[in-house]
């Protein structure tokens, strides 16, 4: 059953789910749906969503290269996951790792020509899919959603303070 203003708790939540829990479940559900849309329409069999996101971040923010730590700070993932994805992207020839000129202990990750080519092909598809979804929302709905999600992030960050 699709959610409507009269039915804010779609199945499979059930009748005993409170509003707070339903919000969390809906956020997780939407995240899963977006990942499935991306896998079906954008990334295909070449890349995972996380791998695409790493390439995308490197292209947008890392012209000079980024460390794995910097990549992790721009993604919603763990250090271990970034390490695995970076290793797989390197083996596939999409990125290269080199020692930093400024700190010999740090590896700098950059896109290879092959990585740039796949982004040139996939980024327009990705942006068109984002636009297709977001065009269904008013500017006010987008602003309200952004503000609400920013508050969620702040609260969750506070809950994680001191947790490693």
N, C-alpha and C. Protein backbone atom coordinates (compact mmCIF):
# COMPACT_ATOMS: atom_id res chain seq x y z
N UNK A 1 0.84 -1.17 0.00
CA UNK A 1 0.00 0.00 0.00
C UNK A 1 0.89 1.24 0.00
N UNK A 2 0.58 2.18 -0.87
CA UNK A 2 1.36 3.41 -0.95
C UNK A 2 0.90 4.38 0.13
N UNK A 3 1.85 5.15 0.70
CA UNK A 3 1.46 6.11 1.73
C UNK A 3 0.67 7.27 1.13
N UNK A 4 -0.35 7.69 1.83
CA UNK A 4 -1.15 8.85 1.46
C UNK A 4 -1.28 9.71 2.72
N UNK A 5 -1.78 10.95 2.60
CA UNK A 5 -1.96 11.76 3.81
C UNK A 5 -2.83 11.08 4.87
N UNK A 6 -3.77 10.23 4.43
CA UNK A 6 -4.64 9.53 5.37
C UNK A 6 -4.03 8.23 5.89
N UNK A 7 -2.98 7.74 5.23
CA UNK A 7 -2.38 6.47 5.59
C UNK A 7 -0.86 6.66 5.62
N UNK A 8 -0.36 7.26 6.69
CA UNK A 8 1.05 7.60 6.75
C UNK A 8 1.94 6.42 7.11
N UNK A 9 1.37 5.31 7.51
CA UNK A 9 2.16 4.14 7.89
C UNK A 9 1.87 2.99 6.93
N UNK A 10 2.56 2.97 5.77
CA UNK A 10 2.30 1.89 4.82
C UNK A 10 2.78 0.56 5.37
N UNK A 11 2.18 -0.50 4.89
CA UNK A 11 2.66 -1.83 5.26
C UNK A 11 4.07 -1.96 4.73
N UNK A 12 4.97 -2.67 5.31
CA UNK A 12 4.74 -3.70 6.31
C UNK A 12 4.91 -3.22 7.74
N UNK A 13 4.82 -1.93 8.02
CA UNK A 13 5.06 -1.44 9.38
C UNK A 13 4.07 -1.99 10.39
N UNK A 14 2.82 -2.07 10.02
CA UNK A 14 1.83 -2.60 10.94
C UNK A 14 1.23 -1.51 11.82
N UNK A 15 0.16 -1.86 12.51
CA UNK A 15 -0.61 -0.88 13.28
C UNK A 15 0.08 -0.42 14.57
N UNK A 16 1.06 -1.13 15.06
CA UNK A 16 1.68 -0.79 16.35
C UNK A 16 2.94 0.04 16.21
N UNK A 17 3.19 0.58 15.03
CA UNK A 17 4.39 1.38 14.80
C UNK A 17 4.05 2.84 15.06
N UNK A 18 4.83 3.46 15.94
CA UNK A 18 4.62 4.87 16.24
C UNK A 18 5.20 5.77 15.16
N UNK A 19 4.84 7.05 15.24
CA UNK A 19 5.31 8.00 14.22
C UNK A 19 6.84 8.08 14.15
N UNK A 20 7.51 8.11 15.30
CA UNK A 20 8.97 8.20 15.31
C UNK A 20 9.62 7.01 14.62
N UNK A 21 9.17 5.82 14.97
CA UNK A 21 9.72 4.63 14.34
C UNK A 21 9.41 4.60 12.86
N UNK A 22 8.21 5.03 12.49
CA UNK A 22 7.82 5.05 11.07
C UNK A 22 8.72 6.00 10.28
N UNK A 23 9.11 7.13 10.87
CA UNK A 23 10.01 8.07 10.19
C UNK A 23 11.34 7.39 9.91
N UNK A 24 11.91 6.74 10.93
CA UNK A 24 13.19 6.06 10.76
C UNK A 24 13.08 4.96 9.70
N UNK A 25 12.03 4.16 9.78
CA UNK A 25 11.83 3.09 8.80
C UNK A 25 11.67 3.65 7.39
N UNK A 26 10.93 4.77 7.26
CA UNK A 26 10.76 5.37 5.94
C UNK A 26 12.08 5.90 5.38
N UNK A 27 12.91 6.50 6.22
CA UNK A 27 14.22 6.98 5.76
C UNK A 27 15.03 5.80 5.23
N UNK A 28 15.06 4.72 6.00
CA UNK A 28 15.79 3.53 5.56
C UNK A 28 15.19 2.95 4.29
N UNK A 29 13.88 2.92 4.21
CA UNK A 29 13.19 2.36 3.05
C UNK A 29 13.50 3.19 1.80
N UNK A 30 13.41 4.50 1.92
CA UNK A 30 13.70 5.38 0.78
C UNK A 30 15.16 5.21 0.35
N UNK A 31 16.08 5.12 1.32
CA UNK A 31 17.48 4.88 0.98
C UNK A 31 17.66 3.60 0.18
N UNK A 32 16.97 2.55 0.59
CA UNK A 32 17.04 1.28 -0.14
C UNK A 32 16.44 1.42 -1.54
N UNK A 33 15.32 2.11 -1.64
CA UNK A 33 14.70 2.30 -2.96
C UNK A 33 15.60 3.10 -3.89
N UNK A 34 16.24 4.14 -3.37
CA UNK A 34 17.15 4.94 -4.19
C UNK A 34 18.34 4.11 -4.66
N UNK A 35 18.84 3.26 -3.78
CA UNK A 35 19.94 2.39 -4.17
C UNK A 35 19.50 1.42 -5.27
N UNK A 36 18.30 0.88 -5.14
CA UNK A 36 17.80 -0.04 -6.16
C UNK A 36 17.59 0.66 -7.49
N UNK A 37 17.08 1.90 -7.46
CA UNK A 37 16.91 2.68 -8.69
C UNK A 37 18.27 2.93 -9.33
N UNK A 38 19.24 3.33 -8.51
CA UNK A 38 20.59 3.57 -9.03
C UNK A 38 21.19 2.33 -9.65
N UNK A 39 21.05 1.19 -8.97
CA UNK A 39 21.61 -0.05 -9.51
C UNK A 39 20.93 -0.44 -10.82
N UNK A 40 19.63 -0.22 -10.91
CA UNK A 40 18.89 -0.62 -12.11
C UNK A 40 19.09 0.35 -13.27
N UNK A 41 19.20 1.66 -12.97
CA UNK A 41 19.18 2.64 -14.05
C UNK A 41 20.49 3.39 -14.27
N UNK A 42 21.40 3.36 -13.30
CA UNK A 42 22.60 4.17 -13.41
C UNK A 42 23.86 3.33 -13.45
N UNK A 43 24.14 2.62 -12.39
CA UNK A 43 25.44 1.97 -12.24
C UNK A 43 25.55 0.68 -13.01
N UNK A 44 24.45 -0.04 -13.13
CA UNK A 44 24.45 -1.29 -13.87
C UNK A 44 25.37 -2.32 -13.25
N UNK A 45 26.02 -3.10 -14.09
CA UNK A 45 26.88 -4.17 -13.60
C UNK A 45 28.32 -3.73 -13.46
N UNK A 46 28.64 -2.53 -13.88
CA UNK A 46 30.03 -2.05 -13.87
C UNK A 46 30.50 -1.65 -12.47
N UNK A 47 29.64 -0.95 -11.72
CA UNK A 47 30.02 -0.39 -10.43
C UNK A 47 28.91 -0.59 -9.41
N UNK A 48 29.29 -0.58 -8.14
CA UNK A 48 28.29 -0.49 -7.08
C UNK A 48 28.01 0.99 -6.83
N UNK A 49 26.95 1.26 -6.09
CA UNK A 49 26.64 2.65 -5.76
C UNK A 49 27.80 3.27 -4.99
N UNK A 50 28.36 2.55 -4.04
CA UNK A 50 29.47 3.08 -3.25
C UNK A 50 30.68 3.39 -4.13
N UNK A 51 30.97 2.51 -5.09
CA UNK A 51 32.10 2.75 -5.99
C UNK A 51 31.84 3.98 -6.86
N UNK A 52 30.62 4.10 -7.39
CA UNK A 52 30.26 5.28 -8.16
C UNK A 52 30.44 6.54 -7.32
N UNK A 53 29.98 6.48 -6.06
CA UNK A 53 30.09 7.65 -5.18
C UNK A 53 31.55 8.05 -4.95
N UNK A 54 32.43 7.06 -4.80
CA UNK A 54 33.86 7.37 -4.62
C UNK A 54 34.40 8.06 -5.86
N UNK A 55 34.09 7.53 -7.04
CA UNK A 55 34.56 8.17 -8.28
C UNK A 55 33.99 9.58 -8.42
N UNK A 56 32.72 9.72 -8.09
CA UNK A 56 32.03 11.01 -8.17
C UNK A 56 32.68 12.03 -7.24
N UNK A 57 32.99 11.61 -6.02
CA UNK A 57 33.64 12.50 -5.05
C UNK A 57 35.03 12.89 -5.53
N UNK A 58 35.77 11.93 -6.04
CA UNK A 58 37.10 12.24 -6.55
C UNK A 58 37.04 13.26 -7.68
N UNK A 59 36.04 13.13 -8.52
CA UNK A 59 35.90 14.06 -9.65
C UNK A 59 35.49 15.44 -9.17
N UNK A 60 34.57 15.49 -8.22
CA UNK A 60 34.07 16.79 -7.76
C UNK A 60 35.02 17.51 -6.82
N UNK A 61 35.65 16.77 -5.92
CA UNK A 61 36.41 17.42 -4.86
C UNK A 61 37.89 17.09 -4.86
N UNK A 62 38.31 16.16 -5.67
CA UNK A 62 39.67 15.67 -5.53
C UNK A 62 40.52 15.76 -6.77
N UNK A 63 40.52 16.89 -7.44
CA UNK A 63 41.33 17.01 -8.66
C UNK A 63 42.80 16.72 -8.37
N UNK A 64 43.26 17.09 -7.20
CA UNK A 64 44.64 16.84 -6.81
C UNK A 64 44.78 15.49 -6.10
N UNK A 65 43.68 14.79 -5.95
CA UNK A 65 43.68 13.53 -5.24
C UNK A 65 43.18 13.69 -3.81
N UNK A 66 42.77 12.59 -3.23
CA UNK A 66 42.25 12.59 -1.87
C UNK A 66 42.79 11.36 -1.15
N UNK A 67 42.88 11.47 0.16
CA UNK A 67 43.24 10.31 0.96
C UNK A 67 41.98 9.47 1.20
N UNK A 68 42.17 8.23 1.65
CA UNK A 68 41.00 7.40 1.98
C UNK A 68 40.20 8.04 3.09
N UNK A 69 40.87 8.69 4.03
CA UNK A 69 40.17 9.37 5.13
C UNK A 69 39.28 10.49 4.59
N UNK A 70 39.79 11.27 3.65
CA UNK A 70 38.99 12.35 3.06
C UNK A 70 37.79 11.78 2.30
N UNK A 71 38.00 10.68 1.60
CA UNK A 71 36.89 10.04 0.90
C UNK A 71 35.84 9.60 1.90
N UNK A 72 36.27 8.94 2.98
CA UNK A 72 35.35 8.43 4.00
C UNK A 72 34.54 9.58 4.61
N UNK A 73 35.17 10.72 4.82
CA UNK A 73 34.48 11.87 5.41
C UNK A 73 33.39 12.41 4.49
N UNK A 74 33.46 12.09 3.20
CA UNK A 74 32.46 12.56 2.25
C UNK A 74 31.42 11.51 1.90
N UNK A 75 31.54 10.33 2.49
CA UNK A 75 30.62 9.23 2.23
C UNK A 75 29.96 8.78 3.52
N UNK A 76 28.87 8.05 3.37
CA UNK A 76 28.23 7.43 4.51
C UNK A 76 28.68 5.97 4.53
N UNK A 77 29.86 5.75 5.10
CA UNK A 77 30.40 4.39 5.12
C UNK A 77 31.50 4.30 6.16
N UNK A 78 32.07 3.13 6.30
CA UNK A 78 33.12 2.91 7.28
C UNK A 78 34.49 2.91 6.60
N UNK A 79 35.52 3.00 7.42
CA UNK A 79 36.89 2.96 6.92
C UNK A 79 37.15 1.65 6.17
N UNK A 80 36.66 0.54 6.73
CA UNK A 80 36.85 -0.77 6.09
C UNK A 80 36.19 -0.85 4.73
N UNK A 81 34.97 -0.30 4.62
CA UNK A 81 34.28 -0.32 3.33
C UNK A 81 35.00 0.52 2.30
N UNK A 82 35.48 1.69 2.70
CA UNK A 82 36.22 2.54 1.76
C UNK A 82 37.47 1.81 1.29
N UNK A 83 38.15 1.15 2.21
CA UNK A 83 39.37 0.42 1.86
C UNK A 83 39.08 -0.67 0.82
N UNK A 84 38.01 -1.42 1.01
CA UNK A 84 37.63 -2.48 0.07
C UNK A 84 37.28 -1.89 -1.29
N UNK A 85 36.46 -0.83 -1.29
CA UNK A 85 36.04 -0.22 -2.56
C UNK A 85 37.23 0.39 -3.29
N UNK A 86 38.12 1.05 -2.55
CA UNK A 86 39.31 1.65 -3.18
C UNK A 86 40.17 0.55 -3.79
N UNK A 87 40.33 -0.54 -3.08
CA UNK A 87 41.12 -1.66 -3.60
C UNK A 87 40.50 -2.20 -4.89
N UNK A 88 39.19 -2.42 -4.89
CA UNK A 88 38.50 -2.94 -6.07
C UNK A 88 38.54 -1.96 -7.24
N UNK A 89 38.38 -0.68 -6.96
CA UNK A 89 38.44 0.33 -8.02
C UNK A 89 39.84 0.41 -8.61
N UNK A 90 40.83 0.25 -7.77
CA UNK A 90 42.21 0.26 -8.24
C UNK A 90 42.49 -0.96 -9.13
N UNK A 91 42.03 -2.13 -8.69
CA UNK A 91 42.22 -3.35 -9.48
C UNK A 91 41.51 -3.25 -10.83
N UNK A 92 40.38 -2.54 -10.85
CA UNK A 92 39.62 -2.38 -12.09
C UNK A 92 40.18 -1.29 -12.99
N UNK A 93 41.15 -0.55 -12.47
CA UNK A 93 41.79 0.48 -13.29
C UNK A 93 41.08 1.83 -13.30
N UNK A 94 40.12 2.04 -12.39
CA UNK A 94 39.37 3.30 -12.35
C UNK A 94 40.09 4.38 -11.55
N UNK A 95 40.92 3.97 -10.60
CA UNK A 95 41.67 4.92 -9.77
C UNK A 95 43.11 4.44 -9.65
N UNK A 96 43.97 5.34 -9.18
CA UNK A 96 45.34 4.95 -8.87
C UNK A 96 45.69 5.54 -7.51
N UNK A 97 46.56 4.84 -6.82
CA UNK A 97 47.05 5.31 -5.53
C UNK A 97 48.53 5.64 -5.69
N UNK A 98 48.93 6.76 -5.11
CA UNK A 98 50.33 7.14 -5.12
C UNK A 98 50.67 7.76 -3.78
N UNK A 99 51.92 7.78 -3.46
CA UNK A 99 52.38 8.37 -2.20
C UNK A 99 52.29 9.89 -2.30
N UNK A 100 51.80 10.51 -1.24
CA UNK A 100 51.67 11.96 -1.20
C UNK A 100 53.04 12.63 -1.27
N UNK A 101 53.10 13.73 -2.01
CA UNK A 101 54.33 14.52 -2.09
C UNK A 101 54.61 15.23 -0.76
N UNK A 102 53.55 15.50 0.01
CA UNK A 102 53.66 16.26 1.25
C UNK A 102 53.84 15.39 2.48
N UNK A 103 53.35 14.15 2.41
CA UNK A 103 53.42 13.24 3.56
C UNK A 103 53.63 11.82 3.04
N UNK A 104 54.83 11.33 3.14
CA UNK A 104 55.18 10.03 2.60
C UNK A 104 54.41 8.87 3.20
N UNK A 105 53.72 9.09 4.32
CA UNK A 105 52.93 8.03 4.96
C UNK A 105 51.52 7.93 4.36
N UNK A 106 51.11 8.95 3.60
CA UNK A 106 49.74 9.01 3.10
C UNK A 106 49.66 8.63 1.62
N UNK A 107 48.64 7.86 1.29
CA UNK A 107 48.36 7.52 -0.10
C UNK A 107 47.33 8.51 -0.65
N UNK A 108 47.59 9.03 -1.83
CA UNK A 108 46.67 9.94 -2.51
C UNK A 108 46.00 9.14 -3.64
N UNK A 109 44.69 9.28 -3.71
CA UNK A 109 43.91 8.53 -4.70
C UNK A 109 43.41 9.50 -5.76
N UNK A 110 43.61 9.15 -7.02
CA UNK A 110 43.16 9.98 -8.13
C UNK A 110 42.44 9.11 -9.17
N UNK A 111 41.65 9.76 -9.98
CA UNK A 111 40.98 9.06 -11.09
C UNK A 111 41.98 8.77 -12.21
N UNK A 112 41.83 7.64 -12.84
CA UNK A 112 42.59 7.33 -14.05
C UNK A 112 41.76 7.78 -15.25
N UNK A 113 42.33 7.78 -16.44
CA UNK A 113 41.53 8.09 -17.63
C UNK A 113 40.31 7.15 -17.75
N UNK A 114 40.48 5.87 -17.40
CA UNK A 114 39.36 4.93 -17.44
C UNK A 114 38.27 5.35 -16.45
N UNK A 115 38.66 5.80 -15.26
CA UNK A 115 37.70 6.27 -14.26
C UNK A 115 36.97 7.51 -14.73
N UNK A 116 37.70 8.42 -15.39
CA UNK A 116 37.07 9.63 -15.92
C UNK A 116 36.07 9.29 -17.03
N UNK A 117 36.43 8.31 -17.87
CA UNK A 117 35.53 7.92 -18.98
C UNK A 117 34.22 7.33 -18.45
N UNK A 118 34.30 6.46 -17.44
CA UNK A 118 33.06 5.86 -16.95
C UNK A 118 32.18 6.91 -16.28
N UNK A 119 32.82 7.89 -15.61
CA UNK A 119 32.03 8.97 -15.02
C UNK A 119 31.40 9.84 -16.09
N UNK A 120 32.13 10.11 -17.16
CA UNK A 120 31.56 10.90 -18.26
C UNK A 120 30.33 10.22 -18.84
N UNK A 121 30.32 8.90 -18.81
CA UNK A 121 29.18 8.15 -19.32
C UNK A 121 28.04 8.06 -18.29
N UNK A 122 28.38 7.81 -17.02
CA UNK A 122 27.35 7.57 -16.01
C UNK A 122 26.82 8.83 -15.34
N UNK A 123 27.63 9.87 -15.20
CA UNK A 123 27.19 11.06 -14.49
C UNK A 123 25.95 11.71 -15.11
N UNK A 124 25.86 11.85 -16.44
CA UNK A 124 24.63 12.42 -17.01
C UNK A 124 23.40 11.55 -16.72
N UNK A 125 23.57 10.25 -16.72
CA UNK A 125 22.46 9.35 -16.40
C UNK A 125 22.04 9.54 -14.95
N UNK A 126 23.04 9.62 -14.07
CA UNK A 126 22.79 9.82 -12.64
C UNK A 126 22.05 11.15 -12.41
N UNK A 127 22.57 12.24 -12.99
CA UNK A 127 21.97 13.55 -12.79
C UNK A 127 20.55 13.61 -13.36
N UNK A 128 20.33 12.95 -14.49
CA UNK A 128 18.98 12.90 -15.07
C UNK A 128 18.02 12.14 -14.15
N UNK A 129 18.51 11.07 -13.53
CA UNK A 129 17.66 10.30 -12.61
C UNK A 129 17.34 11.13 -11.36
N UNK A 130 18.32 11.84 -10.84
CA UNK A 130 18.09 12.72 -9.69
C UNK A 130 17.03 13.77 -10.05
N UNK A 131 17.19 14.39 -11.22
CA UNK A 131 16.24 15.41 -11.66
C UNK A 131 14.85 14.83 -11.85
N UNK A 132 14.76 13.65 -12.43
CA UNK A 132 13.47 13.00 -12.65
C UNK A 132 12.72 12.79 -11.33
N UNK A 133 13.44 12.39 -10.31
CA UNK A 133 12.82 12.17 -9.00
C UNK A 133 12.50 13.50 -8.34
N UNK A 134 13.47 14.41 -8.30
CA UNK A 134 13.31 15.65 -7.54
C UNK A 134 12.34 16.63 -8.19
N UNK A 135 12.10 16.53 -9.50
CA UNK A 135 11.14 17.41 -10.16
C UNK A 135 9.71 17.18 -9.66
N UNK A 136 9.48 16.10 -8.96
CA UNK A 136 8.15 15.79 -8.43
C UNK A 136 7.88 16.51 -7.11
N UNK A 137 8.89 17.21 -6.60
CA UNK A 137 8.76 17.93 -5.34
C UNK A 137 8.80 19.43 -5.60
N UNK A 138 8.05 20.18 -4.79
CA UNK A 138 8.11 21.64 -4.88
C UNK A 138 9.41 22.12 -4.23
N UNK A 139 9.78 23.36 -4.53
CA UNK A 139 10.97 23.94 -3.91
C UNK A 139 10.83 23.98 -2.40
N UNK A 140 9.62 24.25 -1.94
CA UNK A 140 9.39 24.30 -0.49
C UNK A 140 9.52 22.90 0.14
N UNK A 141 9.02 21.89 -0.53
CA UNK A 141 9.17 20.52 -0.01
C UNK A 141 10.66 20.13 0.07
N UNK A 142 11.41 20.53 -0.92
CA UNK A 142 12.85 20.23 -0.92
C UNK A 142 13.53 20.96 0.23
N UNK A 143 13.23 22.24 0.42
CA UNK A 143 13.84 23.01 1.51
C UNK A 143 13.47 22.42 2.87
N UNK A 144 12.22 22.06 3.04
CA UNK A 144 11.77 21.47 4.31
C UNK A 144 12.46 20.14 4.56
N UNK A 145 12.56 19.31 3.52
CA UNK A 145 13.22 18.01 3.67
C UNK A 145 14.69 18.19 4.02
N UNK A 146 15.38 19.11 3.34
CA UNK A 146 16.78 19.38 3.64
C UNK A 146 16.97 19.83 5.09
N UNK A 147 16.11 20.71 5.55
CA UNK A 147 16.21 21.21 6.93
C UNK A 147 15.96 20.07 7.93
N UNK A 148 14.97 19.25 7.66
CA UNK A 148 14.67 18.13 8.55
C UNK A 148 15.81 17.12 8.58
N UNK A 149 16.35 16.80 7.42
CA UNK A 149 17.46 15.85 7.36
C UNK A 149 18.72 16.42 8.02
N UNK A 150 18.95 17.72 7.89
CA UNK A 150 20.09 18.35 8.56
C UNK A 150 19.95 18.21 10.07
N UNK A 151 18.73 18.38 10.57
CA UNK A 151 18.49 18.21 12.00
C UNK A 151 18.73 16.76 12.41
N UNK A 152 18.27 15.81 11.60
CA UNK A 152 18.53 14.40 11.87
C UNK A 152 20.03 14.13 11.96
N UNK A 153 20.80 14.66 10.99
CA UNK A 153 22.25 14.44 10.99
C UNK A 153 22.89 15.01 12.25
N UNK A 154 22.47 16.20 12.66
CA UNK A 154 23.01 16.82 13.86
C UNK A 154 22.71 15.96 15.09
N UNK A 155 21.48 15.51 15.21
CA UNK A 155 21.09 14.68 16.36
C UNK A 155 21.87 13.37 16.36
N UNK A 156 21.97 12.74 15.20
CA UNK A 156 22.70 11.47 15.10
C UNK A 156 24.19 11.67 15.40
N UNK A 157 24.78 12.77 14.91
CA UNK A 157 26.18 13.07 15.22
C UNK A 157 26.36 13.23 16.73
N UNK A 158 25.41 13.91 17.38
CA UNK A 158 25.48 14.07 18.83
C UNK A 158 25.39 12.73 19.55
N UNK A 159 24.56 11.84 19.04
CA UNK A 159 24.41 10.51 19.63
C UNK A 159 25.70 9.68 19.47
N UNK A 160 26.47 9.99 18.44
CA UNK A 160 27.70 9.23 18.19
C UNK A 160 28.93 9.83 18.86
N UNK A 161 28.80 10.99 19.48
CA UNK A 161 29.95 11.61 20.13
C UNK A 161 30.52 10.65 21.16
N UNK A 162 31.82 10.43 21.05
CA UNK A 162 32.50 9.55 21.98
C UNK A 162 32.44 8.07 21.62
N UNK A 163 31.69 7.75 20.56
CA UNK A 163 31.60 6.36 20.11
C UNK A 163 32.58 6.20 18.96
N UNK A 164 33.38 5.14 19.01
CA UNK A 164 34.35 4.97 17.92
C UNK A 164 33.85 4.03 16.86
